[in-house]
Amino acid sequence: QVQLTEFGGGLVQAGDSLRLSCKASGRTNTITVMGWHRQAPGKERESVGSINLMGDTTYYAPAVNGRVAISTNNAKNTLYLELNNLKPEDAAVYYCAAGDTPTRYTYWGQGTLVTVSS
C-alpha cells in the first residue's frame, strides 16, 4: 500500500502562483507514475498532469499547459505542483495520485482545497 498526503492549498489571489506538495509513504517502490487531478464543484474530476518517475517525463493537461510544472524530489517520494497565473476556474479540490499508469491510478490522496479570489 501507498499513502499519499497533500500539503498546501487554501485561499489564493487570481494571478498569483500556487504550490502544492504530496508526500508518498509505504511501498513507494511499487509506483512508477504520479500525478495531480482536480475537481471543481459540480464538475467531473480532471487530470492536471503527471510525471513518470522512471524518466521524469511529464504530461500537462491543455487547460493548464504553459502555467503548470510538476516535479518530484530526488527520492521520488514527494510530488510537487506549481500552477502560475491562477484563474478563478482553477479553484478546485486538488488530488495527488500514484500508480503504474496515469490512466488508472491505484492510490489517491484525500485532496486539498484551493480557492481563488478575484
Protein backbone atom coordinates (compact mmCIF):
# COMPACT_ATOMS: atom_id res chain seq x y z
CA GLN A 1 0.00 0.00 0.00
CA VAL A 2 0.98 3.57 -0.63
CA GLN A 3 -0.30 6.52 1.36
CA LEU A 4 -0.48 9.98 -0.18
CA THR A 5 -0.79 13.19 1.81
CA GLU A 6 -1.21 16.56 0.14
CA PHE A 7 0.03 19.84 1.58
CA GLY A 8 -0.63 23.40 0.57
CA GLY A 9 -3.78 24.84 -0.88
CA GLY A 10 -6.02 27.41 0.73
CA LEU A 11 -7.05 30.83 -0.48
CA VAL A 12 -5.01 32.41 -3.25
CA GLN A 13 -5.48 35.53 -5.31
CA ALA A 14 -6.15 35.37 -9.02
CA GLY A 15 -2.91 35.93 -10.85
CA ASP A 16 -0.80 34.51 -8.03
CA SER A 17 1.06 31.21 -8.02
CA LEU A 18 0.20 28.03 -6.19
CA ARG A 19 2.50 25.33 -4.91
CA LEU A 20 1.18 22.01 -3.64
CA SER A 21 3.14 19.06 -2.40
CA CYS A 22 2.26 15.41 -1.89
CA LYS A 23 4.19 13.09 0.35
CA ALA A 24 4.13 9.39 -0.55
CA SER A 25 4.82 6.75 2.08
CA GLY A 26 4.62 2.99 2.29
CA ARG A 27 5.56 0.80 -0.66
CA THR A 28 6.64 3.68 -2.87
CA ASN A 29 8.91 1.34 -4.86
CA THR A 30 5.76 -0.06 -6.47
CA ILE A 31 4.71 3.17 -8.14
CA THR A 32 6.09 4.46 -11.42
CA VAL A 33 3.86 7.43 -12.14
CA MET A 34 2.39 10.20 -10.01
CA GLY A 35 0.06 12.97 -10.92
CA TRP A 36 -2.40 15.63 -9.92
CA HIS A 37 -6.11 15.73 -10.56
CA ARG A 38 -8.63 18.33 -9.56
CA GLN A 39 -12.36 18.53 -9.13
CA ALA A 40 -14.31 21.76 -9.13
CA PRO A 41 -17.80 21.97 -7.61
CA GLY A 42 -20.36 20.41 -9.92
CA LYS A 43 -17.73 19.16 -12.34
CA GLU A 44 -16.04 15.87 -13.00
CA ARG A 45 -12.55 15.20 -11.75
CA GLU A 46 -9.97 16.06 -14.37
CA SER A 47 -6.29 15.46 -14.83
CA VAL A 48 -3.91 18.35 -14.27
CA GLY A 49 -0.81 16.42 -15.23
CA SER A 50 1.53 13.61 -14.38
CA ILE A 51 5.16 12.64 -14.16
CA ASN A 52 6.83 9.34 -14.94
CA LEU A 53 9.13 8.54 -12.04
CA MET A 54 11.42 6.42 -14.18
CA GLY A 55 12.37 9.13 -16.65
CA ASP A 56 10.83 12.33 -15.29
CA THR A 57 8.77 12.83 -18.42
CA THR A 58 5.73 14.97 -17.79
CA TYR A 59 2.27 15.42 -19.22
CA TYR A 60 0.18 18.51 -18.70
CA ALA A 61 -3.49 18.98 -19.42
CA PRO A 62 -4.30 21.57 -22.09
CA ALA A 63 -6.26 23.66 -19.60
CA VAL A 64 -3.12 24.40 -17.58
CA ASN A 65 -0.31 23.82 -20.07
CA GLY A 66 2.08 26.75 -20.03
CA ARG A 67 1.17 27.65 -16.45
CA VAL A 68 2.00 24.41 -14.68
CA ALA A 69 5.03 22.42 -13.61
CA ILE A 70 5.01 19.00 -11.94
CA SER A 71 8.15 17.65 -10.35
CA THR A 72 9.43 15.32 -7.67
CA ASN A 73 12.23 15.35 -5.16
CA ASN A 74 15.34 13.25 -5.67
CA ALA A 75 13.95 10.44 -3.54
CA LYS A 76 10.84 10.28 -5.76
CA ASN A 77 8.60 10.27 -2.72
CA THR A 78 7.35 13.83 -2.82
CA LEU A 79 5.37 15.26 -5.69
CA TYR A 80 5.07 18.96 -6.37
CA LEU A 81 2.63 21.05 -8.36
CA GLU A 82 3.31 24.63 -9.31
CA LEU A 83 0.50 26.49 -11.02
CA ASN A 84 1.07 30.06 -12.09
CA ASN A 85 -1.24 32.91 -13.02
CA LEU A 86 -4.16 31.37 -11.18
CA LYS A 87 -7.61 31.89 -12.60
CA PRO A 88 -10.99 31.55 -10.90
CA GLU A 89 -11.56 28.35 -12.87
CA ASP A 90 -8.53 26.81 -11.16
CA ALA A 91 -10.46 26.67 -7.90
CA ALA A 92 -10.99 23.02 -7.02
CA VAL A 93 -10.05 20.21 -4.72
CA TYR A 94 -6.65 19.01 -5.88
CA TYR A 95 -5.81 15.35 -5.52
CA CYS A 96 -2.47 13.61 -5.64
CA ALA A 97 -2.47 10.20 -7.29
CA ALA A 98 0.03 7.41 -7.85
CA GLY A 99 0.26 4.05 -9.54
CA ASP A 100 1.80 2.31 -12.50
CA THR A 101 -0.25 4.02 -15.19
CA PRO A 102 -1.55 7.59 -15.44
CA THR A 103 -4.83 6.40 -16.91
CA ARG A 104 -5.79 4.36 -13.87
CA TYR A 105 -4.15 5.41 -10.65
CA THR A 106 -4.13 2.97 -7.77
CA TYR A 107 -3.67 5.36 -4.90
CA TRP A 108 -5.24 8.71 -4.13
CA GLY A 109 -4.71 11.37 -1.53
CA GLN A 110 -7.51 12.93 0.47
CA GLY A 111 -7.39 16.14 -1.53
CA THR A 112 -6.64 19.74 -0.67
CA LEU A 113 -8.95 22.65 -1.40
CA VAL A 114 -7.76 25.58 -3.47
CA THR A 115 -9.93 28.68 -3.55
CA VAL A 116 -9.16 31.51 -5.96
CA SER A 117 -10.35 35.02 -5.18
CA SER A 118 -10.69 37.53 -7.99
